[in-house]
């Protein structure tokens, strides 16, 4: 456990210790030109950059901090199927054609990510052993059955597990059943980010770290200003997700609310414990309003994540509730040491969906993953690149939309805290009745 009273949620991450080396980068310190400037060097921005250079365009990526500073270096690294709306709801929202394209893209998200890793030769510890979503209540199990039927209409295989199957897959008898996605898996998120950056640079992308955008200027072309340099370009793509502020595009920050997720990793577990806990080394989500998620890393550490406080510095006690939840599921971990503690921001949106939006001609934004950033950040990054390159929006796998802003956004912190307490109470009451 970190010894200080409070600590940074990025540099203490397990991934900082096990990631591949980052490519060499430097701040922007001159005036340059490019066809497209991308703000944010995370999953979305880097995948968009690779798509754009493949289309023959020149690209400059500006990262405010270091590679993987945001969620792309702090997340749980799960690559899952699905969004927070079911297929039928997505089609109802976006219409038959766009909705079906989106459902198919969502259904194939893990395959898209793992195929991309192979094609690009990325060293990021990919594991495709599947994902289990548990059902602690009958209402969740009923919903999972309907969800599996819904996805099956579009060729996506999700298996509904009964109590015995769920118990065998998870290593706990606390659940009524669950859902299994065989194509899902995990990766090392910071390695994935660094490797995407490496390939992007090799293919001609200019990538500058420690280059926060101070403001945009529009004349004959866009001018993207940093403290020491400026990029003149035809188009700008903003991919800042939970770290969006009012500097570059005032008002965009009101389209997302940054929640915090805390994560911790155990010491490497013994072979005996690993045979009992997630024995197939699947990734796992305890499906409630406040989800708990887990996966193994390459060294056999169990990595767990839960909701956190509404601040960017963390304290030792911020992890107590999560560890209690983990031990309630796996009592055999009661005496296990926890070696790493970290956390960061997740961007939530008004409709619980990511968005691809054109703010004005030549200025596009893509973000808002609601906890599904590894897979959807990859998919949406590619689609954003295609859109910026000129592909007709009717051919995109992801719809172009106009996301709504949060009313009274400046008071989102107390609002989120109240919602978390309400969700926790409802989860508790439902577990008592089960």
Protein backbone atom coordinates (compact mmCIF):
# COMPACT_ATOMS: atom_id res chain seq x y z
CA UNK A 1 0.00 0.00 0.00
CA UNK A 2 1.36 3.50 -0.73
CA UNK A 3 2.86 5.02 2.40
CA UNK A 4 1.80 8.63 1.80
CA UNK A 5 -1.52 10.00 3.00
CA UNK A 6 -2.60 10.70 -0.59
CA UNK A 7 -1.11 9.63 -3.90
CA UNK A 8 -1.41 10.11 -7.64
CA UNK A 9 -3.70 7.68 -9.43
CA UNK A 10 -1.47 7.17 -12.47
CA UNK A 11 2.16 6.66 -11.52
CA UNK A 12 1.22 4.14 -8.80
CA UNK A 13 -0.55 1.90 -11.32
CA UNK A 14 0.52 -1.70 -11.78
CA UNK A 15 0.73 -1.07 -15.52
CA UNK A 16 3.60 1.40 -15.01
CA UNK A 17 5.71 -1.47 -13.72
CA UNK A 18 4.96 -4.01 -16.45
CA UNK A 19 4.47 -1.97 -19.64
CA UNK A 20 6.73 -2.05 -22.66
CA UNK A 21 8.99 0.95 -23.13
CA UNK A 22 7.38 4.11 -24.45
CA UNK A 23 8.57 5.56 -27.76
CA UNK A 24 10.62 8.73 -27.56
CA UNK A 25 8.50 11.91 -27.73
CA UNK A 26 8.95 15.60 -26.94
CA UNK A 27 6.83 18.75 -26.53
CA UNK A 28 5.75 20.74 -29.56
CA UNK A 29 8.13 23.72 -29.74
CA UNK A 30 7.60 25.18 -33.22
CA UNK A 31 5.00 26.09 -35.80
CA UNK A 32 4.12 23.15 -38.06
CA UNK A 33 1.42 22.12 -40.53
CA UNK A 34 -0.64 18.94 -40.83
CA UNK A 35 -3.85 17.84 -42.48
CA UNK A 36 -5.35 16.82 -39.12
CA UNK A 37 -4.52 17.61 -35.52
CA UNK A 38 -5.69 15.13 -32.87
CA UNK A 39 -5.97 16.30 -29.27
CA UNK A 40 -5.40 13.38 -26.91
CA UNK A 41 -3.06 10.41 -27.36
CA UNK A 42 -5.19 7.67 -25.84
CA UNK A 43 -6.96 4.67 -27.35
CA UNK A 44 -9.23 6.86 -29.47
CA UNK A 45 -6.74 9.42 -30.69
CA UNK A 46 -4.03 6.92 -31.60
CA UNK A 47 -6.37 4.56 -33.45
CA UNK A 48 -7.78 7.56 -35.32
CA UNK A 49 -4.25 8.68 -36.21
CA UNK A 50 -3.41 5.26 -37.65
CA UNK A 51 -6.57 5.30 -39.75
CA UNK A 52 -5.86 8.81 -41.03
CA UNK A 53 -2.27 8.09 -42.10
CA UNK A 54 -3.56 4.95 -43.82
CA UNK A 55 -5.82 7.30 -45.80
CA UNK A 56 -2.73 9.28 -46.89
CA UNK A 57 -3.20 12.29 -44.59
CA UNK A 58 -0.56 13.99 -42.44
CA UNK A 59 -1.35 13.88 -38.73
CA UNK A 60 -0.11 15.59 -35.58
CA UNK A 61 -1.19 14.22 -32.18
CA UNK A 62 -0.93 16.49 -29.13
CA UNK A 63 -0.96 14.94 -25.65
CA UNK A 64 -1.25 17.21 -22.62
CA UNK A 65 0.79 14.91 -20.38
CA UNK A 66 2.71 11.70 -20.97
CA UNK A 67 1.54 8.70 -22.97
CA UNK A 68 -1.10 6.80 -21.02
CA UNK A 69 -1.66 9.52 -18.43
CA UNK A 70 -5.44 9.19 -18.69
CA UNK A 71 -7.69 6.13 -18.80
CA UNK A 72 -5.56 4.58 -21.55
CA UNK A 73 -2.88 3.92 -18.94
CA UNK A 74 -5.05 3.35 -15.89
CA UNK A 75 -8.06 1.26 -16.96
CA UNK A 76 -8.80 -2.32 -16.02
CA UNK A 77 -7.84 -3.45 -19.53
CA UNK A 78 -11.01 -5.46 -20.21
CA UNK A 79 -12.13 -5.82 -23.84
CA UNK A 80 -15.84 -6.60 -23.76
CA UNK A 81 -18.93 -6.79 -25.93
CA UNK A 82 -21.72 -4.32 -25.46
CA UNK A 83 -22.70 -0.79 -24.60
CA UNK A 84 -25.03 0.47 -21.90
CA UNK A 85 -27.98 0.21 -24.28
CA UNK A 86 -29.19 -3.13 -25.62
CA UNK A 87 -29.36 -3.82 -29.39
CA UNK A 88 -33.10 -3.12 -29.60
CA UNK A 89 -32.62 0.20 -27.80
CA UNK A 90 -29.74 1.20 -30.07
CA UNK A 91 -31.83 0.54 -33.17
CA UNK A 92 -34.76 2.45 -31.70
CA UNK A 93 -32.47 5.40 -30.95
CA UNK A 94 -30.52 5.60 -34.21
CA UNK A 95 -32.88 3.99 -36.71
CA UNK A 96 -32.74 0.65 -38.50
CA UNK A 97 -29.74 1.20 -40.80
CA UNK A 98 -27.44 3.12 -38.44
CA UNK A 99 -28.60 1.09 -35.44
CA UNK A 100 -27.85 -2.26 -37.06
CA UNK A 101 -24.42 -1.04 -38.18
CA UNK A 102 -23.69 0.01 -34.61
CA UNK A 103 -24.95 -3.26 -33.11
CA UNK A 104 -22.70 -5.24 -35.46
CA UNK A 105 -19.73 -3.06 -34.57
CA UNK A 106 -20.45 -3.51 -30.86
CA UNK A 107 -20.87 -7.28 -31.30
CA UNK A 108 -17.50 -7.62 -32.99
CA UNK A 109 -15.59 -5.21 -30.72
CA UNK A 110 -13.33 -7.81 -29.01
CA UNK A 111 -12.52 -9.48 -32.34
CA UNK A 112 -11.74 -6.06 -33.84
CA UNK A 113 -9.35 -5.21 -31.01
CA UNK A 114 -7.52 -8.53 -30.90
CA UNK A 115 -7.24 -8.72 -34.69
CA UNK A 116 -5.82 -5.20 -34.69
CA UNK A 117 -3.23 -6.20 -32.09
CA UNK A 118 -2.10 -9.07 -34.31
CA UNK A 119 -2.10 -7.04 -37.52
CA UNK A 120 -0.04 -4.23 -36.01
CA UNK A 121 2.26 -6.54 -34.03
CA UNK A 122 1.50 -4.88 -30.68
CA UNK A 123 3.16 -6.25 -27.55
CA UNK A 124 0.48 -5.74 -24.90
CA UNK A 125 -0.20 -9.11 -23.21
CA UNK A 126 -3.46 -9.89 -25.03
CA UNK A 127 -5.55 -12.71 -23.53
CA UNK A 128 -8.83 -13.77 -25.15
CA UNK A 129 -10.30 -16.20 -22.62
CA UNK A 130 -13.76 -14.66 -22.44
CA UNK A 131 -15.74 -12.54 -20.00
CA UNK A 132 -18.27 -13.51 -17.34
CA UNK A 133 -20.95 -11.08 -16.19
CA UNK A 134 -22.60 -12.41 -13.05
CA UNK A 135 -26.26 -12.14 -12.03
CA UNK A 136 -26.88 -11.63 -8.33
CA UNK A 137 -30.65 -11.25 -8.76
CA UNK A 138 -33.34 -12.91 -10.84
CA UNK A 139 -34.14 -9.62 -12.59
CA UNK A 140 -30.56 -9.37 -13.86
CA UNK A 141 -30.61 -13.01 -15.00
CA UNK A 142 -33.88 -12.44 -16.88
CA UNK A 143 -32.38 -9.36 -18.54
CA UNK A 144 -29.27 -11.33 -19.53
CA UNK A 145 -31.41 -14.02 -21.18
CA UNK A 146 -33.19 -11.40 -23.28
CA UNK A 147 -29.89 -9.67 -24.07
CA UNK A 148 -28.39 -12.93 -25.36
CA UNK A 149 -31.43 -13.46 -27.58
CA UNK A 150 -31.21 -9.88 -28.83
CA UNK A 151 -27.52 -10.13 -29.74
CA UNK A 152 -28.03 -13.56 -31.35
CA UNK A 153 -30.20 -11.90 -34.01
CA UNK A 154 -27.02 -10.16 -35.21
CA UNK A 155 -24.68 -13.14 -35.07
CA UNK A 156 -23.14 -12.39 -31.66
CA UNK A 157 -22.78 -15.36 -29.33
CA UNK A 158 -23.48 -14.75 -25.65
CA UNK A 159 -24.04 -17.78 -23.44
CA UNK A 160 -26.45 -17.66 -20.49
CA UNK A 161 -25.01 -19.53 -17.48
CA UNK A 162 -27.07 -21.27 -14.84
CA UNK A 163 -26.06 -21.24 -11.18
CA UNK A 164 -23.71 -24.21 -11.48
CA UNK A 165 -22.02 -22.95 -14.64
CA UNK A 166 -21.56 -19.49 -13.18
CA UNK A 167 -20.12 -20.93 -9.98
CA UNK A 168 -17.62 -23.02 -11.95
CA UNK A 169 -16.56 -20.09 -14.14
CA UNK A 170 -16.26 -17.55 -11.32
CA UNK A 171 -15.20 -19.68 -8.38
CA UNK A 172 -18.03 -18.43 -6.15
CA UNK A 173 -21.51 -19.77 -5.40
CA UNK A 174 -22.95 -16.32 -4.64
CA UNK A 175 -24.66 -15.87 -7.99
CA UNK A 176 -27.85 -17.15 -9.59
CA UNK A 177 -26.19 -17.35 -12.99
CA UNK A 178 -24.56 -15.10 -15.51
CA UNK A 179 -23.57 -14.33 -19.07
CA UNK A 180 -20.45 -15.52 -20.89
CA UNK A 181 -18.89 -13.77 -23.89
CA UNK A 182 -16.33 -16.12 -25.48
CA UNK A 183 -14.60 -13.51 -27.69
CA UNK A 184 -13.86 -11.03 -24.88
CA UNK A 185 -10.57 -10.75 -23.06
CA UNK A 186 -7.94 -8.48 -21.54
CA UNK A 187 -4.80 -6.59 -22.42
CA UNK A 188 -2.17 -4.43 -20.72
CA UNK A 189 -3.66 -0.97 -21.39
CA UNK A 190 -0.51 1.11 -21.00
CA UNK A 191 1.43 -1.25 -23.26
CA UNK A 192 -1.41 -1.09 -25.78
CA UNK A 193 -1.24 2.72 -25.74
CA UNK A 194 2.55 2.84 -26.04
CA UNK A 195 2.57 0.29 -28.84
CA UNK A 196 -0.13 2.14 -30.79
CA UNK A 197 2.01 5.27 -30.41
CA UNK A 198 5.13 3.43 -31.58
CA UNK A 199 3.44 2.16 -34.74
CA UNK A 200 1.84 5.55 -35.39
CA UNK A 201 5.21 7.30 -35.19
CA UNK A 202 6.80 4.67 -37.45
CA UNK A 203 4.08 5.39 -40.00
CA UNK A 204 4.69 9.10 -40.03
CA UNK A 205 2.47 10.56 -37.29
CA UNK A 206 3.99 13.49 -35.39
CA UNK A 207 3.27 12.85 -31.72
CA UNK A 208 4.09 15.47 -29.08
CA UNK A 209 3.65 14.85 -25.36
CA UNK A 210 3.58 17.52 -22.62
CA UNK A 211 1.80 19.68 -25.19
CA UNK A 212 -1.50 20.80 -23.70
CA UNK A 213 -3.70 22.74 -26.09
CA UNK A 214 -4.30 26.28 -24.83
CA UNK A 215 -6.82 27.35 -27.45
CA UNK A 216 -8.06 26.89 -31.01
CA UNK A 217 -8.19 29.63 -33.61
CA UNK A 218 -10.11 29.52 -36.89
CA UNK A 219 -9.13 31.60 -39.93
CA UNK A 220 -8.46 30.13 -43.35
CA UNK A 221 -7.46 26.99 -41.46
CA UNK A 222 -7.48 25.81 -37.89
CA UNK A 223 -4.61 26.82 -35.64
CA UNK A 224 -4.10 24.62 -32.59
CA UNK A 225 -2.01 26.46 -30.00
CA UNK A 226 0.13 25.01 -27.22
CA UNK A 227 2.39 26.90 -24.81
CA UNK A 228 5.38 26.64 -27.14
CA UNK A 229 4.04 25.85 -30.60
CA UNK A 230 1.15 25.88 -33.04
CA UNK A 231 -0.22 23.44 -35.62
CA UNK A 232 -1.97 24.79 -38.72
CA UNK A 233 -4.40 22.20 -40.07
CA UNK A 234 -7.61 21.66 -42.00
CA UNK A 235 -9.35 19.55 -39.36
CA UNK A 236 -9.20 18.93 -35.61
CA UNK A 237 -10.29 15.80 -33.74
CA UNK A 238 -10.75 16.01 -29.96
CA UNK A 239 -10.31 12.72 -28.04
CA UNK A 240 -9.89 13.75 -24.40
CA UNK A 241 -12.69 11.70 -22.77
CA UNK A 242 -12.73 12.02 -18.96
CA UNK A 243 -9.98 14.65 -19.04
CA UNK A 244 -11.91 17.09 -21.24
CA UNK A 245 -11.76 20.68 -19.99
CA UNK A 246 -12.88 24.05 -21.30
CA UNK A 247 -9.51 25.06 -22.74
CA UNK A 248 -9.59 23.72 -26.29
CA UNK A 249 -13.33 23.65 -27.02
CA UNK A 250 -15.37 25.57 -24.45
CA UNK A 251 -18.63 23.78 -23.70
CA UNK A 252 -17.45 20.32 -24.73
CA UNK A 253 -16.63 19.47 -21.12
CA UNK A 254 -20.35 19.78 -20.29
CA UNK A 255 -21.11 16.77 -22.53
CA UNK A 256 -19.33 14.41 -20.13
CA UNK A 257 -19.18 13.89 -16.38
CA UNK A 258 -15.88 12.48 -15.10
CA UNK A 259 -16.44 9.74 -12.54
CA UNK A 260 -13.54 8.05 -10.78
CA UNK A 261 -12.64 4.39 -10.70
CA UNK A 262 -10.24 2.90 -8.16
CA UNK A 263 -8.22 -0.21 -8.95
CA UNK A 264 -5.95 -2.46 -6.93
CA UNK A 265 -3.86 -5.55 -7.66
CA UNK A 266 -2.92 -8.37 -5.32
CA UNK A 267 0.42 -10.05 -4.96
CA UNK A 268 0.86 -12.87 -7.51
CA UNK A 269 -1.57 -15.56 -6.41
CA UNK A 270 -0.55 -19.15 -5.80
CA UNK A 271 -1.48 -21.85 -8.28
CA UNK A 272 -3.97 -23.16 -5.73
CA UNK A 273 -5.77 -19.81 -5.44
CA UNK A 274 -5.77 -19.29 -9.19
CA UNK A 275 -7.40 -22.69 -9.61
CA UNK A 276 -10.22 -21.51 -7.33
CA UNK A 277 -10.68 -17.87 -8.42
CA UNK A 278 -11.66 -17.27 -12.07
CA UNK A 279 -10.09 -20.65 -12.88
CA UNK A 280 -10.28 -20.16 -16.66
CA UNK A 281 -8.62 -16.74 -16.29
CA UNK A 282 -11.70 -15.06 -17.70
CA UNK A 283 -12.39 -11.43 -16.97
CA UNK A 284 -15.29 -10.86 -14.60
CA UNK A 285 -17.94 -8.26 -13.80
CA UNK A 286 -20.31 -8.40 -10.84
CA UNK A 287 -23.34 -6.89 -12.59
CA UNK A 288 -25.05 -4.41 -10.31
CA UNK A 289 -25.74 -0.68 -10.51
CA UNK A 290 -22.26 -0.21 -8.99
CA UNK A 291 -20.23 -2.84 -10.78
CA UNK A 292 -17.12 -4.61 -9.50
CA UNK A 293 -14.72 -5.92 -12.12
CA UNK A 294 -11.70 -8.25 -12.05
CA UNK A 295 -9.06 -9.84 -14.26
CA UNK A 296 -5.62 -11.43 -13.96
CA UNK A 297 -2.45 -9.85 -15.24
CA UNK A 298 0.39 -11.80 -16.84
CA UNK A 299 2.02 -12.46 -13.44
CA UNK A 300 -1.09 -13.91 -11.82
CA UNK A 301 -2.08 -10.81 -9.88
CA UNK A 302 -5.82 -10.36 -9.47
CA UNK A 303 -6.64 -6.81 -10.59
CA UNK A 304 -9.92 -5.40 -9.25
CA UNK A 305 -11.83 -2.19 -9.90
CA UNK A 306 -14.74 -0.34 -8.31
CA UNK A 307 -16.21 3.18 -8.17
CA UNK A 308 -14.10 5.77 -6.36
CA UNK A 309 -14.27 9.25 -4.81
CA UNK A 310 -14.83 12.38 -6.88
CA UNK A 311 -11.22 13.56 -6.80
CA UNK A 312 -7.96 12.81 -8.60
CA UNK A 313 -5.80 12.12 -5.55
CA UNK A 314 -6.45 8.92 -3.61
CA UNK A 315 -5.97 7.80 -0.02
CA UNK A 316 -5.50 4.40 1.52
CA UNK A 317 -9.06 4.21 2.79
CA UNK A 318 -10.52 4.76 -0.70
CA UNK A 319 -9.88 1.06 -1.39
CA UNK A 320 -11.42 -0.44 1.74
CA UNK A 321 -14.94 -0.85 0.36
CA UNK A 322 -13.70 -2.48 -2.83
CA UNK A 323 -11.53 -4.97 -0.97
CA UNK A 324 -14.45 -5.83 1.28
CA UNK A 325 -16.60 -6.57 -1.78
CA UNK A 326 -13.85 -8.74 -3.30
CA UNK A 327 -13.43 -10.76 -0.10
CA UNK A 328 -17.19 -11.28 0.20
CA UNK A 329 -17.03 -13.04 -3.17
CA UNK A 330 -13.67 -14.78 -2.59
CA UNK A 331 -13.12 -15.29 1.19
CA UNK A 332 -9.91 -17.18 0.45
CA UNK A 333 -8.28 -13.80 -0.35
CA UNK A 334 -8.71 -12.53 3.20
CA UNK A 335 -4.99 -12.79 4.01
CA UNK A 336 -3.71 -11.83 0.55
CA UNK A 337 -1.41 -8.82 0.19
CA UNK A 338 -2.44 -5.95 -2.11
CA UNK A 339 0.61 -4.58 -3.90
CA UNK A 340 -0.70 -1.84 -6.21
CA UNK A 341 -3.35 0.86 -5.89
CA UNK A 342 -4.33 3.40 -8.55
CA UNK A 343 -7.28 5.03 -10.26
CA UNK A 344 -8.53 7.64 -12.67
CA UNK A 345 -11.43 9.17 -14.55
CA UNK A 346 -14.21 7.52 -16.54
CA UNK A 347 -16.32 9.75 -18.79
CA UNK A 348 -20.09 9.33 -18.52
CA UNK A 349 -22.57 10.87 -20.94
CA UNK A 350 -26.20 11.96 -20.72
CA UNK A 351 -27.51 8.96 -22.70
CA UNK A 352 -24.87 6.49 -21.39
CA UNK A 353 -23.37 6.12 -24.89
CA UNK A 354 -20.12 7.26 -26.51
CA UNK A 355 -20.48 9.96 -29.12
CA UNK A 356 -18.97 11.02 -32.42
CA UNK A 357 -20.01 14.60 -33.13
CA UNK A 358 -19.14 17.41 -35.53
CA UNK A 359 -19.09 20.56 -33.42
CA UNK A 360 -18.62 22.76 -36.47
CA UNK A 361 -17.12 22.14 -39.90
CA UNK A 362 -13.66 20.67 -39.45
CA UNK A 363 -13.96 20.27 -35.67
CA UNK A 364 -14.94 16.78 -34.50
CA UNK A 365 -15.03 15.09 -31.08
CA UNK A 366 -15.14 11.40 -30.12
CA UNK A 367 -15.40 10.27 -26.49
CA UNK A 368 -17.69 9.28 -23.60
CA UNK A 369 -17.20 5.55 -23.05
CA UNK A 370 -19.10 5.03 -19.79
CA UNK A 371 -16.60 2.40 -18.65
CA UNK A 372 -16.16 0.61 -21.99
CA UNK A 373 -13.15 2.55 -23.24
CA UNK A 374 -10.67 -0.12 -24.30
CA UNK A 375 -12.87 -1.75 -26.90
CA UNK A 376 -15.10 1.14 -27.86
CA UNK A 377 -12.19 3.61 -27.82
CA UNK A 378 -10.54 1.44 -30.46
CA UNK A 379 -13.68 1.07 -32.59
CA UNK A 380 -14.71 4.71 -32.31
CA UNK A 381 -11.15 5.88 -32.92
CA UNK A 382 -11.08 4.09 -36.26
CA UNK A 383 -14.54 5.37 -37.19
CA UNK A 384 -13.63 8.93 -36.17
CA UNK A 385 -10.57 8.72 -38.39
CA UNK A 386 -12.71 7.59 -41.30
CA UNK A 387 -15.20 10.39 -40.72
CA UNK A 388 -12.50 13.06 -40.53
CA UNK A 389 -10.93 11.61 -43.70
CA UNK A 390 -14.21 12.22 -45.51
CA UNK A 391 -16.18 8.96 -45.37
CA UNK A 392 -19.91 9.59 -45.70
CA UNK A 393 -21.59 9.42 -42.28
CA UNK A 394 -24.17 6.96 -43.67
CA UNK A 395 -21.36 4.43 -44.13
CA UNK A 396 -19.87 4.73 -40.66
CA UNK A 397 -20.26 1.92 -38.14
CA UNK A 398 -20.79 4.56 -35.46
CA UNK A 399 -23.49 7.24 -35.85
CA UNK A 400 -22.65 10.93 -35.91
CA UNK A 401 -24.84 12.57 -33.26
CA UNK A 402 -25.35 15.71 -31.18
CA UNK A 403 -24.81 14.73 -27.52
CA UNK A 404 -26.73 16.60 -24.85
CA UNK A 405 -24.99 18.61 -22.16
CA UNK A 406 -25.54 17.96 -18.47
CA UNK A 407 -27.71 20.59 -16.84
CA UNK A 408 -25.98 22.29 -13.89
CA UNK A 409 -22.71 20.61 -14.90
CA UNK A 410 -20.71 22.71 -12.44
CA UNK A 411 -22.42 20.86 -9.58
CA UNK A 412 -21.83 17.37 -10.96
CA UNK A 413 -19.66 16.25 -8.03
CA UNK A 414 -22.37 16.39 -5.33
CA UNK A 415 -24.85 14.98 -7.83
CA UNK A 416 -22.63 11.98 -8.53
CA UNK A 417 -21.99 11.40 -4.83
CA UNK A 418 -25.73 11.35 -4.14
CA UNK A 419 -26.34 8.96 -7.06
CA UNK A 420 -23.64 6.56 -5.84
CA UNK A 421 -25.20 6.42 -2.38
CA UNK A 422 -28.63 5.80 -3.88
CA UNK A 423 -27.34 3.04 -6.19
CA UNK A 424 -25.43 1.43 -3.32
CA UNK A 425 -28.58 1.38 -1.19
CA UNK A 426 -30.66 -0.18 -3.98
CA UNK A 427 -27.97 -2.80 -4.63
CA UNK A 428 -27.90 -3.63 -0.90
CA UNK A 429 -31.67 -3.92 -0.62
CA UNK A 430 -31.85 -6.20 -3.64
CA UNK A 431 -29.06 -8.43 -2.30
CA UNK A 432 -30.89 -8.74 1.03
CA UNK A 433 -34.09 -9.85 -0.74
CA UNK A 434 -32.26 -12.43 -2.90
